[in-house]
C-alpha atoms as a PDB file:
ATOM      1  CA  MET A   1       3.675  17.475   7.236  1.00  0.00           C
ATOM      2  CA  ASN A   2       5.780  14.326   7.087  1.00  0.00           C
ATOM      3  CA  HIS A   3       4.874  10.697   7.648  1.00  0.00           C
ATOM      4  CA  TYR A   4       6.530   7.949   9.658  1.00  0.00           C
ATOM      5  CA  ALA A   5       5.902   4.201   9.815  1.00  0.00           C
ATOM      6  CA  LYS A   6       6.251   2.117  12.948  1.00  0.00           C
ATOM      7  CA  ILE A   7       7.641  -1.346  12.230  1.00  0.00           C
ATOM      8  CA  ASP A   8       7.563  -4.387  14.477  1.00  0.00           C
ATOM      9  CA  ASP A   9      10.368  -6.911  15.159  1.00  0.00           C
ATOM     10  CA  ASN A  10       9.595  -8.617  11.817  1.00  0.00           C
ATOM     11  CA  ASN A  11       9.817  -5.290   9.915  1.00  0.00           C
ATOM     12  CA  ILE A  12       6.060  -5.263   9.345  1.00  0.00           C
ATOM     13  CA  VAL A  13       4.394  -1.835   9.318  1.00  0.00           C
ATOM     14  CA  VAL A  14       1.950  -1.650  12.204  1.00  0.00           C
ATOM     15  CA  GLN A  15       1.213   2.098  12.258  1.00  0.00           C
ATOM     16  CA  VAL A  16       1.675   5.172  10.055  1.00  0.00           C
ATOM     17  CA  ILE A  17       1.484   8.686  11.514  1.00  0.00           C
ATOM     18  CA  ALA A  18       1.804  12.240  10.259  1.00  0.00           C
ATOM     19  CA  LEU A  19       3.817  14.860  12.130  1.00  0.00           C
ATOM     20  CA  THR A  20       3.523  18.606  11.711  1.00  0.00           C
ATOM     21  CA  ASP A  21       6.564  20.641  10.779  1.00  0.00           C
ATOM     22  CA  GLN A  22       6.613  21.902  14.377  1.00  0.00           C
ATOM     23  CA  LYS A  23       7.203  18.338  15.642  1.00  0.00           C
ATOM     24  CA  ILE A  24      10.043  17.680  13.206  1.00  0.00           C
ATOM     25  CA  THR A  25      11.875  20.967  13.666  1.00  0.00           C
ATOM     26  CA  ASN A  26      15.342  20.166  14.878  1.00  0.00           C
ATOM     27  CA  PRO A  27      15.903  22.181  18.093  1.00  0.00           C
ATOM     28  CA  GLU A  28      19.618  22.543  17.343  1.00  0.00           C
ATOM     29  CA  THR A  29      19.162  24.072  13.873  1.00  0.00           C
ATOM     30  CA  ASN A  30      15.596  25.351  14.236  1.00  0.00           C
ATOM     31  CA  GLU A  31      14.868  23.894  10.769  1.00  0.00           C
ATOM     32  CA  VAL A  32      12.352  21.299   9.570  1.00  0.00           C
ATOM     33  CA  ASP A  33      14.320  18.063   9.291  1.00  0.00           C
ATOM     34  CA  VAL A  34      12.836  14.739   8.108  1.00  0.00           C
ATOM     35  CA  SER A  35      15.576  12.737   9.822  1.00  0.00           C
ATOM     36  CA  TYR A  36      14.918  14.593  13.089  1.00  0.00           C
ATOM     37  CA  GLY A  37      11.277  13.512  12.743  1.00  0.00           C
ATOM     38  CA  LYS A  38      12.403   9.894  12.879  1.00  0.00           C
ATOM     39  CA  THR A  39      14.506  10.707  15.942  1.00  0.00           C
ATOM     40  CA  PHE A  40      11.482  12.443  17.511  1.00  0.00           C
ATOM     41  CA  CYS A  41       9.310   9.341  16.918  1.00  0.00           C
ATOM     42  CA  ASN A  42      11.938   6.976  18.306  1.00  0.00           C
ATOM     43  CA  GLU A  43      12.382   9.121  21.426  1.00  0.00           C
ATOM     44  CA  ASN A  44       8.699   9.874  22.096  1.00  0.00           C
ATOM     45  CA  TYR A  45       6.833   6.790  20.929  1.00  0.00           C
ATOM     46  CA  SER A  46       7.542   3.130  21.464  1.00  0.00           C
ATOM     47  CA  GLY A  47       8.913   1.015  18.626  1.00  0.00           C
ATOM     48  CA  ARG A  48      11.103   1.637  15.610  1.00  0.00           C
ATOM     49  CA  TRP A  49      10.141   4.360  13.138  1.00  0.00           C
ATOM     50  CA  ILE A  50      11.041   4.885   9.456  1.00  0.00           C
ATOM     51  CA  ASP A  51      10.245   8.012   7.418  1.00  0.00           C
ATOM     52  CA  THR A  52       7.882   7.626   4.470  1.00  0.00           C
ATOM     53  CA  CYS A  53       6.244  10.015   2.003  1.00  0.00           C
ATOM     54  CA  VAL A  54       2.521  10.089   1.470  1.00  0.00           C
ATOM     55  CA  LEU A  55       1.156   9.197  -1.962  1.00  0.00           C
ATOM     56  CA  ASN A  56       4.591   9.320  -3.583  1.00  0.00           C
ATOM     57  CA  ILE A  57       4.618  13.115  -3.573  1.00  0.00           C
ATOM     58  CA  VAL A  58       8.143  14.504  -3.615  1.00  0.00           C
ATOM     59  CA  HIS A  59       8.616  17.067  -0.835  1.00  0.00           C
ATOM     60  CA  ASP A  60      11.518  19.502  -0.531  1.00  0.00           C
ATOM     61  CA  GLU A  61      12.798  17.523   2.458  1.00  0.00           C
ATOM     62  CA  CYS A  62      12.666  14.113   0.713  1.00  0.00           C
ATOM     63  CA  THR A  63      14.726  12.529  -1.981  1.00  0.00           C
ATOM     64  CA  LEU A  64      12.950  10.861  -4.894  1.00  0.00           C
ATOM     65  CA  GLU A  65      14.009   7.471  -3.503  1.00  0.00           C
ATOM     66  CA  GLN A  66      12.370   8.212  -0.133  1.00  0.00           C
ATOM     67  CA  CYS A  67       9.160   9.274  -1.832  1.00  0.00           C
ATOM     68  CA  ARG A  68       8.909   5.985  -3.693  1.00  0.00           C
ATOM     69  CA  LYS A  69       8.377   4.111  -0.468  1.00  0.00           C
ATOM     70  CA  TYR A  70       5.116   5.147   1.137  1.00  0.00           C
ATOM     71  CA  ALA A  71       4.286   2.687   3.910  1.00  0.00           C
ATOM     72  CA  ARG A  72       0.954   1.074   4.469  1.00  0.00           C
ATOM     73  CA  ILE A  73      -0.039  -1.085   7.436  1.00  0.00           C
ATOM     74  CA  GLY A  74       0.917  -4.659   6.607  1.00  0.00           C
ATOM     75  CA  ASP A  75       3.826  -3.734   4.313  1.00  0.00           C
ATOM     76  CA  THR A  76       7.264  -5.189   5.032  1.00  0.00           C
ATOM     77  CA  TYR A  77      10.190  -2.806   5.376  1.00  0.00           C
ATOM     78  CA  ASP A  78      13.219  -4.061   3.429  1.00  0.00           C
ATOM     79  CA  GLU A  79      16.149  -2.337   5.121  1.00  0.00           C
ATOM     80  CA  ALA A  80      18.689  -3.264   2.424  1.00  0.00           C
ATOM     81  CA  GLN A  81      16.514  -1.667  -0.280  1.00  0.00           C
ATOM     82  CA  ASP A  82      15.099   1.044   2.037  1.00  0.00           C
ATOM     83  CA  ALA A  83      11.670   0.194   0.661  1.00  0.00           C
ATOM     84  CA  PHE A  84       8.240  -0.766   1.922  1.00  0.00           C
ATOM     85  CA  ILE A  85       6.934  -3.832   0.127  1.00  0.00           C
ATOM     86  CA  PRO A  86       3.204  -4.624   0.109  1.00  0.00           C
ATOM     87  CA  PRO A  87       2.062  -8.151   0.925  1.00  0.00           C
ATOM     88  CA  GLN A  88       2.280 -10.541  -2.019  1.00  0.00           C
ATOM     89  CA  PRO A  89      -1.248 -10.739  -3.443  1.00  0.00           C
ATOM     90  CA  TYR A  90      -0.867 -14.202  -5.031  1.00  0.00           C
ATOM     91  CA  PRO A  91       1.833 -16.893  -4.893  1.00  0.00           C
ATOM     92  CA  SER A  92       2.527 -16.613  -8.635  1.00  0.00           C
ATOM     93  CA  TRP A  93       3.167 -12.853  -8.641  1.00  0.00           C
ATOM     94  CA  THR A  94       6.746 -11.532  -8.567  1.00  0.00           C
ATOM     95  CA  LEU A  95       8.270  -8.342  -7.233  1.00  0.00           C
ATOM     96  CA  ASN A  96       9.620  -5.880  -9.825  1.00  0.00           C
ATOM     97  CA  ASP A  97      12.407  -3.299  -9.475  1.00  0.00           C
ATOM     98  CA  HIS A  98       9.904  -0.700  -8.250  1.00  0.00           C
ATOM     99  CA  PHE A  99       8.755  -2.947  -5.372  1.00  0.00           C
ATOM    100  CA  GLU A 100       5.385  -3.631  -6.987  1.00  0.00           C
ATOM    101  CA  TRP A 101       3.890  -7.107  -7.464  1.00  0.00           C
ATOM    102  CA  GLU A 102       3.322  -8.223 -11.064  1.00  0.00           C
ATOM    103  CA  PRO A 103       1.236 -11.104 -12.347  1.00  0.00           C
ATOM    104  CA  PRO A 104       2.950 -13.771 -14.477  1.00  0.00           C
ATOM    105  CA  ILE A 105       0.564 -12.852 -17.292  1.00  0.00           C
ATOM    106  CA  ALA A 106      -0.126  -9.207 -18.169  1.00  0.00           C
ATOM    107  CA  ALA A 107      -3.642  -7.996 -17.536  1.00  0.00           C
ATOM    108  CA  PRO A 108      -5.838  -7.924 -20.623  1.00  0.00           C
ATOM    109  CA  THR A 109      -5.710  -4.668 -22.515  1.00  0.00           C
ATOM    110  CA  VAL A 110      -9.124  -3.892 -23.854  1.00  0.00           C
ATOM    111  CA  GLU A 111     -10.901  -0.723 -24.816  1.00  0.00           C
ATOM    112  CA  ARG A 112     -13.528   0.457 -22.374  1.00  0.00           C
ATOM    113  CA  SER A 113     -16.180  -0.025 -25.028  1.00  0.00           C
ATOM    114  CA  GLU A 114     -15.191  -3.704 -25.306  1.00  0.00           C
ATOM    115  CA  VAL A 115     -15.939  -4.382 -21.634  1.00  0.00           C
ATOM    116  CA  PRO A 116     -19.637  -4.647 -20.829  1.00  0.00           C
ATOM    117  CA  ALA A 117     -20.948  -2.285 -18.149  1.00  0.00           C
ATOM    118  CA  ASP A 118     -20.185  -3.380 -14.581  1.00  0.00           C
ATOM    119  CA  LYS A 119     -17.490  -5.807 -15.769  1.00  0.00           C
ATOM    120  CA  SER A 120     -13.787  -5.922 -15.049  1.00  0.00           C
ATOM    121  CA  TYR A 121     -10.899  -8.357 -14.951  1.00  0.00           C
ATOM    122  CA  GLU A 122      -9.713 -10.072 -11.797  1.00  0.00           C
ATOM    123  CA  TRP A 123      -6.792 -12.416 -11.177  1.00  0.00           C
ATOM    124  CA  ASP A 124      -7.758 -16.066 -10.597  1.00  0.00           C
ATOM    125  CA  GLU A 125      -4.827 -17.884  -8.956  1.00  0.00           C
ATOM    126  CA  ASP A 126      -6.568 -21.268  -9.111  1.00  0.00           C
ATOM    127  CA  ALA A 127      -7.060 -20.924 -12.873  1.00  0.00           C
ATOM    128  CA  TYR A 128      -3.401 -19.957 -13.295  1.00  0.00           C
ATOM    129  CA  GLN A 129      -2.205 -22.917 -11.187  1.00  0.00           C
ATOM    130  CA  ALA A 130      -4.371 -25.304 -13.254  1.00  0.00           C
ATOM    131  CA  ASP A 131      -3.184 -23.829 -16.584  1.00  0.00           C
ATOM    132  CA  ASN A 132      -0.367 -21.293 -16.522  1.00  0.00           C
ATOM    133  CA  THR A 133      -1.522 -19.780 -19.814  1.00  0.00           C
ATOM    134  CA  THR A 134      -4.621 -18.412 -18.084  1.00  0.00           C
ATOM    135  CA  GLY A 135      -5.230 -16.351 -14.981  1.00  0.00           C
ATOM    136  CA  TRP A 136      -7.366 -13.329 -15.767  1.00  0.00           C
ATOM    137  CA  LYS A 137     -11.132 -13.726 -15.731  1.00  0.00           C
ATOM    138  CA  GLN A 138     -13.872 -11.255 -16.455  1.00  0.00           C
ATOM    139  CA  VAL A 139     -16.049 -10.570 -13.423  1.00  0.00           C
ATOM    140  CA  ASP A 140     -19.255  -8.762 -12.740  1.00  0.00           C
ATOM    141  CA  LEU A 141     -18.306  -5.850 -10.447  1.00  0.00           C
ATOM    142  CA  VAL A 142     -21.603  -5.862  -8.563  1.00  0.00           C
ATOM    143  CA  THR A 143     -21.455  -9.612  -7.842  1.00  0.00           C
ATOM    144  CA  SER A 144     -17.759  -9.400  -7.004  1.00  0.00           C
ATOM    145  CA  ALA A 145     -18.387  -6.567  -4.542  1.00  0.00           C
ATOM    146  CA  GLU A 146     -21.241  -8.489  -2.925  1.00  0.00           C
ATOM    147  CA  VAL A 147     -19.003 -11.553  -2.498  1.00  0.00           C
ATOM    148  CA  LYS A 148     -16.280  -9.406  -0.906  1.00  0.00           C
ATOM    149  CA  LEU A 149     -18.795  -7.769   1.437  1.00  0.00           C
ATOM    150  CA  GLU A 150     -20.127 -11.196   2.403  1.00  0.00           C
ATOM    151  CA  ALA A 151     -16.596 -12.380   3.177  1.00  0.00           C
ATOM    152  CA  LEU A 152     -16.308  -9.396   5.558  1.00  0.00           C
ATOM    153  CA  GLY A 153     -19.650 -10.274   7.134  1.00  0.00           C
ATOM    154  CA  LEU A 154     -21.354  -7.166   5.705  1.00  0.00           C
ATOM    155  CA  THR A 155     -24.454  -6.560   3.618  1.00  0.00           C
ATOM    156  CA  LYS A 156     -25.125  -3.854   1.037  1.00  0.00           C
ATOM    157  CA  GLU A 157     -27.223  -2.111   3.685  1.00  0.00           C
ATOM    158  CA  ASP A 158     -24.278  -2.188   6.100  1.00  0.00           C
ATOM    159  CA  LEU A 159     -22.093  -0.591   3.436  1.00  0.00           C
ATOM    160  CA  LYS A 160     -24.680   2.110   2.705  1.00  0.00           C
ATOM    161  CA  GLU A 161     -24.838   2.909   6.404  1.00  0.00           C
ATOM    162  CA  LEU A 162     -21.043   3.092   6.663  1.00  0.00           C
ATOM    163  CA  LEU A 163     -20.827   5.373   3.648  1.00  0.00           C
ATOM    164  CA  SER A 164     -23.471   7.725   5.049  1.00  0.00           C
ATOM    165  CA  MET A 165     -21.493   8.348   8.267  1.00  0.00           C
END
């Protein structure tokens, strides 16, 4: 099973699909061929398709470089780097050599026992912009989750119902 990402005119990933080995078997060689899979997608589906590896697992058919670039919807495909780059989470974060976004201040390193139950650290861009020596704040996971659900227009009951499906 191999995966392919459809990108739009702005190189944004709009769809990711999986194809069975049968679909990516090159009819000329009768062998599974990742590059033929991209040809298959381009010939049978609309749009432009790029191969990608799921969950960074190296397959026999993929090079290590290919398997570093699993696409997700919303990522941008950088053709020069042959990499899928996730959306920038905050204006102050920068892209590293592995195409991952990093905060300007490293996340706090604390022992699990030092963090109260149901607490975690979350980036606060406003705090960083006001004082660039700060940025990480401790948050209550339950409250934070409720705020995020509310922003999506959901309640805890809605979430429970979704999870029970």
